[in-house]
Amino acid sequence: MRIFLFMVQFTLGMSIFMLALKMLGDTLSSILGFRLRALFTRFTSNKINSLATGLVATALVQSSSIVNSTMVVLVDSGVLAVPQALGVILGANIGTTLTAQIVALPVGSAAIPLVLVGLVVIYIVKRPALGKACLSLGAVFFGLNYTTGVLAPLLGLPAVQKILLELTGTPIRACVVGVILTSVVQSSGAVTGLVVSLAGRNLLTLSAAVGVALGSNVGTVVTTLIASLGRSRASKATALGDFLFNLVGVLLILPVFPFFLGLVGSLSMYPGRQVAHAHTLFNIITALATLPALDNLAKLAWSWAGIRGRNKNT
């Protein structure tokens, strides 16, 4: 009976969290509407502008999946070239870390007030879009706090801790868990938000939480790859470039993982914030390192997509 009750409570908390995240992304995307597409087509004239545009757009809509999938569509329609789209995707990887930074803040007590404000804005102020944004943000905090509260007693059990250690005992295994979890739930924001919250309550070690968060970067590319199915090879090249960038970034950080943990540990004394900082720092470093070689990444993606003998920068 206790197991059944736990499963119901955990499913309820995760459902609220996941649905609220999706609602927040959809609402912000609908508020921006055509402005988002105009932002992509107008401000991607060079690599730096492309990165900045991806960062800003993803910070606004809080969904790298939406931005990256849009890149696939715009490349497919010939609006953007592959290097432009990949530059935006680099920025999107940085912008999506805002979710983890927000979750790492002590904002749990703001959940119910945000929901109430959202309801007032929807039904009294008559601003449904803005009200839904407030309501969904409050629901994100509520669902996450509820879920971690349900998990706390279970993760405190010695047997469960042993299983967690087996699954995430090394950086590689932790990254693989992050890839699998994110591929299943289709939201890197949900996975990183959860591990930030668990680390904040000392229910997950820093090494395991950071490893899962980094693995989520690779797992979230599944959405981009799915969006490219049935489209042109240029679209597939964009999705493959996204996958290559994230995979290589994780592979390069693994040999210096202890040093990386030491670096993020020096940025904050709170485990939750350390994980959030690690996620942000990793994406900033890998994006800036890749930016000068963006054309080469595009060429490699073109080649992998099976396109040869043409101008790969178009």
C-alpha atoms as a PDB file:
ATOM      1  CA  MET A   1       0.000   0.000   0.000  1.00  0.00           C
ATOM      2  CA  ARG A   2       2.850   2.385   0.852  1.00  0.00           C
ATOM      3  CA  ILE A   3       4.534   1.658  -2.493  1.00  0.00           C
ATOM      4  CA  PHE A   4       1.278   2.340  -4.323  1.00  0.00           C
ATOM      5  CA  LEU A   5       0.810   5.620  -2.435  1.00  0.00           C
ATOM      6  CA  PHE A   6       4.383   6.647  -3.222  1.00  0.00           C
ATOM      7  CA  MET A   7       3.910   5.923  -6.924  1.00  0.00           C
ATOM      8  CA  VAL A   8       0.683   7.952  -6.999  1.00  0.00           C
ATOM      9  CA  GLN A   9       2.303  10.904  -5.215  1.00  0.00           C
ATOM     10  CA  PHE A  10       5.452  10.779  -7.345  1.00  0.00           C
ATOM     11  CA  THR A  11       3.452  10.535 -10.577  1.00  0.00           C
ATOM     12  CA  LEU A  12       1.241  13.424  -9.473  1.00  0.00           C
ATOM     13  CA  GLY A  13       4.210  15.650  -8.610  1.00  0.00           C
ATOM     14  CA  MET A  14       6.105  14.885 -11.812  1.00  0.00           C
ATOM     15  CA  SER A  15       2.947  15.322 -13.905  1.00  0.00           C
ATOM     16  CA  ILE A  16       2.317  18.775 -12.427  1.00  0.00           C
ATOM     17  CA  PHE A  17       5.975  19.707 -12.930  1.00  0.00           C
ATOM     18  CA  MET A  18       6.206  18.449 -16.523  1.00  0.00           C
ATOM     19  CA  LEU A  19       2.835  19.844 -17.639  1.00  0.00           C
ATOM     20  CA  ALA A  20       3.607  23.193 -16.020  1.00  0.00           C
ATOM     21  CA  LEU A  21       6.970  23.361 -17.816  1.00  0.00           C
ATOM     22  CA  LYS A  22       5.272  22.610 -21.144  1.00  0.00           C
ATOM     23  CA  MET A  23       2.508  25.109 -20.436  1.00  0.00           C
ATOM     24  CA  LEU A  24       5.084  27.777 -19.555  1.00  0.00           C
ATOM     25  CA  GLY A  25       7.016  27.189 -22.782  1.00  0.00           C
ATOM     26  CA  ASP A  26       3.871  27.097 -24.936  1.00  0.00           C
ATOM     27  CA  THR A  27       2.461  30.221 -23.304  1.00  0.00           C
ATOM     28  CA  LEU A  28       5.644  32.253 -23.672  1.00  0.00           C
ATOM     29  CA  SER A  29       6.007  31.036 -27.250  1.00  0.00           C
ATOM     30  CA  SER A  30       2.436  32.094 -28.070  1.00  0.00           C
ATOM     31  CA  ILE A  31       2.992  35.516 -26.477  1.00  0.00           C
ATOM     32  CA  LEU A  32       6.031  36.071 -28.673  1.00  0.00           C
ATOM     33  CA  GLY A  33       4.395  34.440 -31.700  1.00  0.00           C
ATOM     34  CA  PHE A  34       5.705  35.703 -35.039  1.00  0.00           C
ATOM     35  CA  ARG A  35       8.210  37.933 -33.221  1.00  0.00           C
ATOM     36  CA  LEU A  36      10.271  34.843 -32.406  1.00  0.00           C
ATOM     37  CA  ARG A  37      10.606  33.871 -36.064  1.00  0.00           C
ATOM     38  CA  ALA A  38      11.388  37.470 -36.986  1.00  0.00           C
ATOM     39  CA  LEU A  39      14.092  37.471 -34.305  1.00  0.00           C
ATOM     40  CA  PHE A  40      15.719  34.424 -35.867  1.00  0.00           C
ATOM     41  CA  THR A  41      15.629  35.690 -39.432  1.00  0.00           C
ATOM     42  CA  ARG A  42      16.729  39.266 -38.662  1.00  0.00           C
ATOM     43  CA  PHE A  43      19.475  38.870 -36.076  1.00  0.00           C
ATOM     44  CA  THR A  44      21.547  35.929 -37.319  1.00  0.00           C
ATOM     45  CA  SER A  45      23.823  37.739 -39.767  1.00  0.00           C
ATOM     46  CA  ASN A  46      27.003  36.515 -38.049  1.00  0.00           C
ATOM     47  CA  LYS A  47      28.105  33.902 -35.516  1.00  0.00           C
ATOM     48  CA  ILE A  48      27.975  36.129 -32.447  1.00  0.00           C
ATOM     49  CA  ASN A  49      24.531  37.477 -33.345  1.00  0.00           C
ATOM     50  CA  SER A  50      23.272  33.936 -33.937  1.00  0.00           C
ATOM     51  CA  LEU A  51      24.508  32.793 -30.522  1.00  0.00           C
ATOM     52  CA  ALA A  52      23.044  35.861 -28.778  1.00  0.00           C
ATOM     53  CA  THR A  53      19.718  35.382 -30.574  1.00  0.00           C
ATOM     54  CA  GLY A  54      19.497  31.749 -29.496  1.00  0.00           C
ATOM     55  CA  LEU A  55      20.354  32.678 -25.919  1.00  0.00           C
ATOM     56  CA  VAL A  56      17.722  35.429 -25.703  1.00  0.00           C
ATOM     57  CA  ALA A  57      15.011  33.426 -27.485  1.00  0.00           C
ATOM     58  CA  THR A  58      15.476  30.372 -25.260  1.00  0.00           C
ATOM     59  CA  ALA A  59      15.603  32.471 -22.097  1.00  0.00           C
ATOM     60  CA  LEU A  60      12.262  33.973 -23.163  1.00  0.00           C
ATOM     61  CA  VAL A  61      10.407  30.792 -24.143  1.00  0.00           C
ATOM     62  CA  GLN A  62      12.238  28.536 -21.649  1.00  0.00           C
ATOM     63  CA  SER A  63      12.483  25.656 -24.087  1.00  0.00           C
ATOM     64  CA  SER A  64      15.580  24.829 -26.100  1.00  0.00           C
ATOM     65  CA  SER A  65      13.552  22.085 -27.794  1.00  0.00           C
ATOM     66  CA  ILE A  66      11.177  24.684 -29.275  1.00  0.00           C
ATOM     67  CA  VAL A  67      14.057  26.865 -30.482  1.00  0.00           C
ATOM     68  CA  ASN A  68      16.096  23.970 -31.879  1.00  0.00           C
ATOM     69  CA  SER A  69      13.096  22.416 -33.627  1.00  0.00           C
ATOM     70  CA  THR A  70      12.325  25.835 -35.132  1.00  0.00           C
ATOM     71  CA  MET A  71      15.872  25.921 -36.485  1.00  0.00           C
ATOM     72  CA  VAL A  72      15.284  22.610 -38.253  1.00  0.00           C
ATOM     73  CA  VAL A  73      12.118  23.990 -39.861  1.00  0.00           C
ATOM     74  CA  LEU A  74      13.742  27.288 -40.917  1.00  0.00           C
ATOM     75  CA  VAL A  75      16.690  25.460 -42.478  1.00  0.00           C
ATOM     76  CA  ASP A  76      14.271  23.114 -44.238  1.00  0.00           C
ATOM     77  CA  SER A  77      12.403  26.097 -45.704  1.00  0.00           C
ATOM     78  CA  GLY A  78      15.643  27.784 -46.796  1.00  0.00           C
ATOM     79  CA  VAL A  79      15.225  30.781 -44.478  1.00  0.00           C
ATOM     80  CA  LEU A  80      18.455  30.083 -42.570  1.00  0.00           C
ATOM     81  CA  ALA A  81      21.749  28.431 -43.523  1.00  0.00           C
ATOM     82  CA  VAL A  82      23.050  25.547 -41.412  1.00  0.00           C
ATOM     83  CA  PRO A  83      25.858  27.602 -39.730  1.00  0.00           C
ATOM     84  CA  GLN A  84      23.312  30.284 -38.751  1.00  0.00           C
ATOM     85  CA  ALA A  85      20.998  27.668 -37.248  1.00  0.00           C
ATOM     86  CA  LEU A  86      23.846  25.980 -35.370  1.00  0.00           C
ATOM     87  CA  GLY A  87      24.898  29.349 -33.942  1.00  0.00           C
ATOM     88  CA  VAL A  88      21.370  29.840 -32.596  1.00  0.00           C
ATOM     89  CA  ILE A  89      21.438  26.310 -31.137  1.00  0.00           C
ATOM     90  CA  LEU A  90      24.697  27.097 -29.307  1.00  0.00           C
ATOM     91  CA  GLY A  91      22.985  30.099 -27.729  1.00  0.00           C
ATOM     92  CA  ALA A  92      19.897  28.025 -26.931  1.00  0.00           C
ATOM     93  CA  ASN A  93      22.043  25.636 -24.904  1.00  0.00           C
ATOM     94  CA  ILE A  94      23.112  28.556 -22.723  1.00  0.00           C
ATOM     95  CA  GLY A  95      19.613  30.066 -22.501  1.00  0.00           C
ATOM     96  CA  THR A  96      18.036  26.828 -21.306  1.00  0.00           C
ATOM     97  CA  THR A  97      20.285  26.799 -18.208  1.00  0.00           C
ATOM     98  CA  LEU A  98      18.154  29.624 -16.813  1.00  0.00           C
ATOM     99  CA  THR A  99      15.644  26.983 -15.670  1.00  0.00           C
ATOM    100  CA  ALA A 100      18.225  25.333 -13.423  1.00  0.00           C
ATOM    101  CA  GLN A 101      19.344  28.718 -12.066  1.00  0.00           C
ATOM    102  CA  ILE A 102      15.762  29.643 -11.149  1.00  0.00           C
ATOM    103  CA  VAL A 103      15.090  26.264  -9.526  1.00  0.00           C
ATOM    104  CA  ALA A 104      18.288  26.622  -7.471  1.00  0.00           C
ATOM    105  CA  LEU A 105      16.916  29.807  -5.885  1.00  0.00           C
ATOM    106  CA  PRO A 106      14.844  29.525  -2.669  1.00  0.00           C
ATOM    107  CA  VAL A 107      11.603  30.163  -4.553  1.00  0.00           C
ATOM    108  CA  GLY A 108       9.508  27.267  -3.253  1.00  0.00           C
ATOM    109  CA  SER A 109       7.417  29.561  -1.072  1.00  0.00           C
ATOM    110  CA  ALA A 110       6.478  31.611  -4.148  1.00  0.00           C
ATOM    111  CA  ALA A 111       4.632  28.690  -5.789  1.00  0.00           C
ATOM    112  CA  ILE A 112       1.129  29.245  -4.390  1.00  0.00           C
ATOM    113  CA  PRO A 113       1.268  33.084  -4.593  1.00  0.00           C
ATOM    114  CA  LEU A 114       2.281  32.830  -8.274  1.00  0.00           C
ATOM    115  CA  VAL A 115      -0.610  30.469  -8.984  1.00  0.00           C
ATOM    116  CA  LEU A 116      -3.054  32.829  -7.239  1.00  0.00           C
ATOM    117  CA  VAL A 117      -1.668  35.852  -9.091  1.00  0.00           C
ATOM    118  CA  GLY A 118      -2.016  33.929 -12.333  1.00  0.00           C
ATOM    119  CA  LEU A 119      -5.672  33.153 -11.624  1.00  0.00           C
ATOM    120  CA  VAL A 120      -6.368  36.797 -10.781  1.00  0.00           C
ATOM    121  CA  VAL A 121      -4.674  38.003 -13.976  1.00  0.00           C
ATOM    122  CA  ILE A 122      -6.608  35.465 -16.072  1.00  0.00           C
ATOM    123  CA  TYR A 123     -10.118  35.950 -14.658  1.00  0.00           C
ATOM    124  CA  ILE A 124     -10.114  39.477 -13.213  1.00  0.00           C
ATOM    125  CA  VAL A 125      -7.485  41.449 -15.137  1.00  0.00           C
ATOM    126  CA  LYS A 126      -8.502  39.551 -18.307  1.00  0.00           C
ATOM    127  CA  ARG A 127      -4.926  38.975 -19.519  1.00  0.00           C
ATOM    128  CA  PRO A 128      -5.024  35.205 -20.103  1.00  0.00           C
ATOM    129  CA  ALA A 129      -1.578  34.811 -21.681  1.00  0.00           C
ATOM    130  CA  LEU A 130       0.244  36.685 -18.928  1.00  0.00           C
ATOM    131  CA  GLY A 131      -1.867  34.956 -16.279  1.00  0.00           C
ATOM    132  CA  LYS A 132      -1.055  31.514 -17.679  1.00  0.00           C
ATOM    133  CA  ALA A 133       2.648  32.360 -17.590  1.00  0.00           C
ATOM    134  CA  CYS A 134       2.443  33.249 -13.869  1.00  0.00           C
ATOM    135  CA  LEU A 135       0.251  30.253 -13.071  1.00  0.00           C
ATOM    136  CA  SER A 136       2.476  27.775 -14.899  1.00  0.00           C
ATOM    137  CA  LEU A 137       5.642  29.165 -13.277  1.00  0.00           C
ATOM    138  CA  GLY A 138       4.051  28.728  -9.853  1.00  0.00           C
ATOM    139  CA  ALA A 139       2.981  25.209 -10.812  1.00  0.00           C
ATOM    140  CA  VAL A 140       6.570  24.401 -11.853  1.00  0.00           C
ATOM    141  CA  PHE A 141       7.823  25.343  -8.389  1.00  0.00           C
ATOM    142  CA  PHE A 142       4.962  23.520  -6.673  1.00  0.00           C
ATOM    143  CA  GLY A 143       5.374  20.315  -8.693  1.00  0.00           C
ATOM    144  CA  LEU A 144       9.130  20.241  -8.149  1.00  0.00           C
ATOM    145  CA  ASN A 145       8.886  20.860  -4.406  1.00  0.00           C
ATOM    146  CA  TYR A 146       6.152  18.235  -4.076  1.00  0.00           C
ATOM    147  CA  THR A 147       8.147  15.666  -6.059  1.00  0.00           C
ATOM    148  CA  THR A 148      11.385  16.145  -4.128  1.00  0.00           C
ATOM    149  CA  GLY A 149       9.419  15.999  -0.869  1.00  0.00           C
ATOM    150  CA  VAL A 150       7.978  12.640  -1.914  1.00  0.00           C
ATOM    151  CA  LEU A 151      11.384  11.330  -3.014  1.00  0.00           C
ATOM    152  CA  ALA A 152      13.244  12.451   0.125  1.00  0.00           C
ATOM    153  CA  PRO A 153      12.260   9.517   2.420  1.00  0.00           C
ATOM    154  CA  LEU A 154      12.860   6.968  -0.352  1.00  0.00           C
ATOM    155  CA  LEU A 155      16.274   8.316  -1.373  1.00  0.00           C
ATOM    156  CA  GLY A 156      17.327   8.332   2.271  1.00  0.00           C
ATOM    157  CA  LEU A 157      17.057   4.529   2.470  1.00  0.00           C
ATOM    158  CA  PRO A 158      20.448   2.710   2.437  1.00  0.00           C
ATOM    159  CA  ALA A 159      19.293   0.228  -0.224  1.00  0.00           C
ATOM    160  CA  VAL A 160      18.146   3.014  -2.542  1.00  0.00           C
ATOM    161  CA  GLN A 161      21.353   4.971  -1.977  1.00  0.00           C
ATOM    162  CA  LYS A 162      23.318   1.870  -2.977  1.00  0.00           C
ATOM    163  CA  ILE A 163      21.336   1.608  -6.220  1.00  0.00           C
ATOM    164  CA  LEU A 164      21.887   5.317  -6.918  1.00  0.00           C
ATOM    165  CA  LEU A 165      25.596   4.864  -6.321  1.00  0.00           C
ATOM    166  CA  GLU A 166      25.677   1.982  -8.797  1.00  0.00           C
ATOM    167  CA  LEU A 167      23.805   3.994 -11.423  1.00  0.00           C
ATOM    168  CA  THR A 168      25.692   7.266 -11.002  1.00  0.00           C
ATOM    169  CA  GLY A 169      28.901   6.161  -9.280  1.00  0.00           C
ATOM    170  CA  THR A 170      31.106   7.411 -12.111  1.00  0.00           C
ATOM    171  CA  PRO A 171      30.760  10.535 -14.284  1.00  0.00           C
ATOM    172  CA  ILE A 172      30.216   8.381 -17.388  1.00  0.00           C
ATOM    173  CA  ARG A 173      27.382   6.395 -15.792  1.00  0.00           C
ATOM    174  CA  ALA A 174      25.799   9.586 -14.455  1.00  0.00           C
ATOM    175  CA  CYS A 175      25.908  11.134 -17.936  1.00  0.00           C
ATOM    176  CA  VAL A 176      24.321   8.031 -19.451  1.00  0.00           C
ATOM    177  CA  VAL A 177      21.513   8.230 -16.867  1.00  0.00           C
ATOM    178  CA  GLY A 178      21.018  11.885 -17.853  1.00  0.00           C
ATOM    179  CA  VAL A 179      20.852  10.975 -21.549  1.00  0.00           C
ATOM    180  CA  ILE A 180      18.286   8.223 -20.933  1.00  0.00           C
ATOM    181  CA  LEU A 181      16.100  10.261 -18.563  1.00  0.00           C
ATOM    182  CA  THR A 182      16.008  13.268 -20.885  1.00  0.00           C
ATOM    183  CA  SER A 183      15.317  11.107 -23.937  1.00  0.00           C
ATOM    184  CA  VAL A 184      12.323   9.621 -22.104  1.00  0.00           C
ATOM    185  CA  VAL A 185      10.806  12.788 -20.624  1.00  0.00           C
ATOM    186  CA  GLN A 186      11.837  14.995 -23.582  1.00  0.00           C
ATOM    187  CA  SER A 187      12.811  17.930 -21.386  1.00  0.00           C
ATOM    188  CA  SER A 188      16.328  18.777 -20.244  1.00  0.00           C
ATOM    189  CA  GLY A 189      14.792  21.508 -18.083  1.00  0.00           C
ATOM    190  CA  ALA A 190      12.780  18.918 -16.159  1.00  0.00           C
ATOM    191  CA  VAL A 191      15.783  16.642 -15.595  1.00  0.00           C
ATOM    192  CA  THR A 192      18.201  19.410 -14.585  1.00  0.00           C
ATOM    193  CA  GLY A 193      15.570  21.045 -12.408  1.00  0.00           C
ATOM    194  CA  LEU A 194      14.980  17.771 -10.582  1.00  0.00           C
ATOM    195  CA  VAL A 195      18.669  17.001  -9.963  1.00  0.00           C
ATOM    196  CA  VAL A 196      19.289  20.587  -8.812  1.00  0.00           C
ATOM    197  CA  SER A 197      16.464  20.216  -6.314  1.00  0.00           C
ATOM    198  CA  LEU A 198      17.665  16.781  -5.141  1.00  0.00           C
ATOM    199  CA  ALA A 199      21.248  18.004  -4.753  1.00  0.00           C
ATOM    200  CA  GLY A 200      19.950  21.013  -2.828  1.00  0.00           C
ATOM    201  CA  ARG A 201      18.447  18.615  -0.280  1.00  0.00           C
ATOM    202  CA  ASN A 202      21.610  16.479  -0.199  1.00  0.00           C
ATOM    203  CA  LEU A 203      19.714  13.560  -1.733  1.00  0.00           C
ATOM    204  CA  LEU A 204      22.136  13.300  -4.651  1.00  0.00           C
ATOM    205  CA  THR A 205      25.898  13.794  -4.668  1.00  0.00           C
ATOM    206  CA  LEU A 206      27.380  16.723  -6.557  1.00  0.00           C
ATOM    207  CA  SER A 207      29.238  14.410  -8.949  1.00  0.00           C
ATOM    208  CA  ALA A 208      26.099  12.423  -9.774  1.00  0.00           C
ATOM    209  CA  ALA A 209      23.887  15.500 -10.154  1.00  0.00           C
ATOM    210  CA  VAL A 210      26.361  17.311 -12.427  1.00  0.00           C
ATOM    211  CA  GLY A 211      26.878  14.174 -14.512  1.00  0.00           C
ATOM    212  CA  VAL A 212      23.130  13.732 -15.020  1.00  0.00           C
ATOM    213  CA  ALA A 213      22.753  17.428 -15.887  1.00  0.00           C
ATOM    214  CA  LEU A 214      25.513  17.231 -18.506  1.00  0.00           C
ATOM    215  CA  GLY A 215      24.021  14.048 -19.953  1.00  0.00           C
ATOM    216  CA  SER A 216      20.697  15.837 -20.316  1.00  0.00           C
ATOM    217  CA  ASN A 217      22.350  18.087 -22.920  1.00  0.00           C
ATOM    218  CA  VAL A 218      22.786  15.069 -25.184  1.00  0.00           C
ATOM    219  CA  GLY A 219      19.397  13.558 -24.362  1.00  0.00           C
ATOM    220  CA  THR A 220      17.496  16.688 -25.324  1.00  0.00           C
ATOM    221  CA  VAL A 221      18.838  16.463 -28.899  1.00  0.00           C
ATOM    222  CA  VAL A 222      16.419  13.569 -29.470  1.00  0.00           C
ATOM    223  CA  THR A 223      13.671  16.183 -29.945  1.00  0.00           C
ATOM    224  CA  THR A 224      15.702  17.963 -32.632  1.00  0.00           C
ATOM    225  CA  LEU A 225      16.466  14.683 -34.390  1.00  0.00           C
ATOM    226  CA  ILE A 226      12.762  13.763 -34.380  1.00  0.00           C
ATOM    227  CA  ALA A 227      11.876  17.199 -35.790  1.00  0.00           C
ATOM    228  CA  SER A 228      14.259  16.564 -38.717  1.00  0.00           C
ATOM    229  CA  LEU A 229      12.604  13.287 -39.737  1.00  0.00           C
ATOM    230  CA  GLY A 230      10.997  13.443 -43.157  1.00  0.00           C
ATOM    231  CA  ARG A 231      12.615  16.795 -43.926  1.00  0.00           C
ATOM    232  CA  SER A 232      15.485  17.802 -46.194  1.00  0.00           C
ATOM    233  CA  ARG A 233      19.057  16.698 -45.648  1.00  0.00           C
ATOM    234  CA  ALA A 234      19.879  20.268 -44.654  1.00  0.00           C
ATOM    235  CA  SER A 235      17.480  19.849 -41.724  1.00  0.00           C
ATOM    236  CA  LYS A 236      19.109  16.553 -40.818  1.00  0.00           C
ATOM    237  CA  ALA A 237      22.522  18.264 -40.965  1.00  0.00           C
ATOM    238  CA  THR A 238      21.253  20.870 -38.465  1.00  0.00           C
ATOM    239  CA  ALA A 239      19.999  18.203 -36.076  1.00  0.00           C
ATOM    240  CA  LEU A 240      23.190  16.159 -36.423  1.00  0.00           C
ATOM    241  CA  GLY A 241      25.299  19.274 -35.801  1.00  0.00           C
ATOM    242  CA  ASP A 242      23.359  19.832 -32.574  1.00  0.00           C
ATOM    243  CA  PHE A 243      23.995  16.220 -31.549  1.00  0.00           C
ATOM    244  CA  LEU A 244      27.717  16.380 -32.396  1.00  0.00           C
ATOM    245  CA  PHE A 245      28.242  19.607 -30.475  1.00  0.00           C
ATOM    246  CA  ASN A 246      26.614  18.293 -27.294  1.00  0.00           C
ATOM    247  CA  LEU A 247      28.175  14.827 -27.452  1.00  0.00           C
ATOM    248  CA  VAL A 248      31.716  16.082 -28.076  1.00  0.00           C
ATOM    249  CA  GLY A 249      31.333  18.686 -25.327  1.00  0.00           C
ATOM    250  CA  VAL A 250      30.435  16.022 -22.760  1.00  0.00           C
ATOM    251  CA  LEU A 251      33.215  13.673 -23.941  1.00  0.00           C
ATOM    252  CA  LEU A 252      35.792  16.444 -23.608  1.00  0.00           C
ATOM    253  CA  ILE A 253      34.718  17.426 -20.091  1.00  0.00           C
ATOM    254  CA  LEU A 254      34.846  13.863 -18.699  1.00  0.00           C
ATOM    255  CA  PRO A 255      38.688  13.610 -18.525  1.00  0.00           C
ATOM    256  CA  VAL A 256      38.817  16.825 -16.456  1.00  0.00           C
ATOM    257  CA  PHE A 257      35.629  16.144 -14.500  1.00  0.00           C
ATOM    258  CA  PRO A 258      37.234  16.333 -11.004  1.00  0.00           C
ATOM    259  CA  PHE A 259      38.798  19.709 -11.854  1.00  0.00           C
ATOM    260  CA  PHE A 260      35.441  20.903 -13.226  1.00  0.00           C
ATOM    261  CA  LEU A 261      33.683  19.868  -9.984  1.00  0.00           C
ATOM    262  CA  GLY A 262      36.313  21.732  -7.984  1.00  0.00           C
ATOM    263  CA  LEU A 263      35.730  24.832 -10.071  1.00  0.00           C
ATOM    264  CA  VAL A 264      31.951  24.859  -9.620  1.00  0.00           C
ATOM    265  CA  GLY A 265      32.389  24.002  -5.950  1.00  0.00           C
ATOM    266  CA  SER A 266      34.329  27.234  -5.515  1.00  0.00           C
ATOM    267  CA  LEU A 267      31.466  29.278  -6.997  1.00  0.00           C
ATOM    268  CA  SER A 268      28.938  28.506  -4.267  1.00  0.00           C
ATOM    269  CA  MET A 269      28.660  26.674  -0.940  1.00  0.00           C
ATOM    270  CA  TYR A 270      25.160  25.370  -1.731  1.00  0.00           C
ATOM    271  CA  PRO A 271      24.963  22.036  -3.649  1.00  0.00           C
ATOM    272  CA  GLY A 272      21.888  23.020  -5.654  1.00  0.00           C
ATOM    273  CA  ARG A 273      23.498  26.198  -6.896  1.00  0.00           C
ATOM    274  CA  GLN A 274      26.724  24.311  -7.629  1.00  0.00           C
ATOM    275  CA  VAL A 275      24.827  21.993  -9.995  1.00  0.00           C
ATOM    276  CA  ALA A 276      23.076  24.941 -11.655  1.00  0.00           C
ATOM    277  CA  HIS A 277      26.412  26.746 -12.061  1.00  0.00           C
ATOM    278  CA  ALA A 278      27.997  23.596 -13.510  1.00  0.00           C
ATOM    279  CA  HIS A 279      25.233  23.316 -16.118  1.00  0.00           C
ATOM    280  CA  THR A 280      25.544  26.988 -17.071  1.00  0.00           C
ATOM    281  CA  LEU A 281      29.353  27.049 -17.076  1.00  0.00           C
ATOM    282  CA  PHE A 282      29.590  23.899 -19.198  1.00  0.00           C
ATOM    283  CA  ASN A 283      27.262  25.290 -21.859  1.00  0.00           C
ATOM    284  CA  ILE A 284      29.002  28.678 -21.934  1.00  0.00           C
ATOM    285  CA  ILE A 285      32.467  27.114 -22.277  1.00  0.00           C
ATOM    286  CA  THR A 286      31.462  24.620 -24.973  1.00  0.00           C
ATOM    287  CA  ALA A 287      29.469  27.235 -26.937  1.00  0.00           C
ATOM    288  CA  LEU A 288      32.301  29.778 -26.939  1.00  0.00           C
ATOM    289  CA  ALA A 289      34.850  27.085 -27.826  1.00  0.00           C
ATOM    290  CA  THR A 290      32.721  25.860 -30.730  1.00  0.00           C
ATOM    291  CA  LEU A 291      31.767  29.267 -32.122  1.00  0.00           C
ATOM    292  CA  PRO A 292      35.039  29.917 -34.043  1.00  0.00           C
ATOM    293  CA  ALA A 293      34.791  26.430 -35.593  1.00  0.00           C
ATOM    294  CA  LEU A 294      31.106  26.723 -36.468  1.00  0.00           C
ATOM    295  CA  ASP A 295      31.696  26.434 -40.225  1.00  0.00           C
ATOM    296  CA  ASN A 296      33.733  23.267 -39.717  1.00  0.00           C
ATOM    297  CA  LEU A 297      30.984  21.824 -37.521  1.00  0.00           C
ATOM    298  CA  ALA A 298      28.464  22.615 -40.258  1.00  0.00           C
ATOM    299  CA  LYS A 299      30.658  20.894 -42.876  1.00  0.00           C
ATOM    300  CA  LEU A 300      30.981  17.805 -40.692  1.00  0.00           C
ATOM    301  CA  ALA A 301      27.217  17.746 -40.142  1.00  0.00           C
ATOM    302  CA  TRP A 302      26.648  18.126 -43.898  1.00  0.00           C
ATOM    303  CA  SER A 303      28.987  15.205 -44.560  1.00  0.00           C
ATOM    304  CA  TRP A 304      27.323  13.039 -41.910  1.00  0.00           C
ATOM    305  CA  ALA A 305      23.938  13.816 -43.421  1.00  0.00           C
ATOM    306  CA  GLY A 306      25.245  12.397 -46.706  1.00  0.00           C
ATOM    307  CA  ILE A 307      25.581  15.694 -48.588  1.00  0.00           C
ATOM    308  CA  ARG A 308      28.759  16.199 -50.572  1.00  0.00           C
ATOM    309  CA  GLY A 309      29.942  18.201 -53.537  1.00  0.00           C
ATOM    310  CA  ARG A 310      28.097  21.455 -52.789  1.00  0.00           C
ATOM    311  CA  ASN A 311      28.439  24.659 -50.819  1.00  0.00           C
ATOM    312  CA  LYS A 312      28.019  23.439 -47.270  1.00  0.00           C
ATOM    313  CA  ASN A 313      27.566  26.915 -45.832  1.00  0.00           C
ATOM    314  CA  THR A 314      24.189  27.371 -47.495  1.00  0.00           C
END
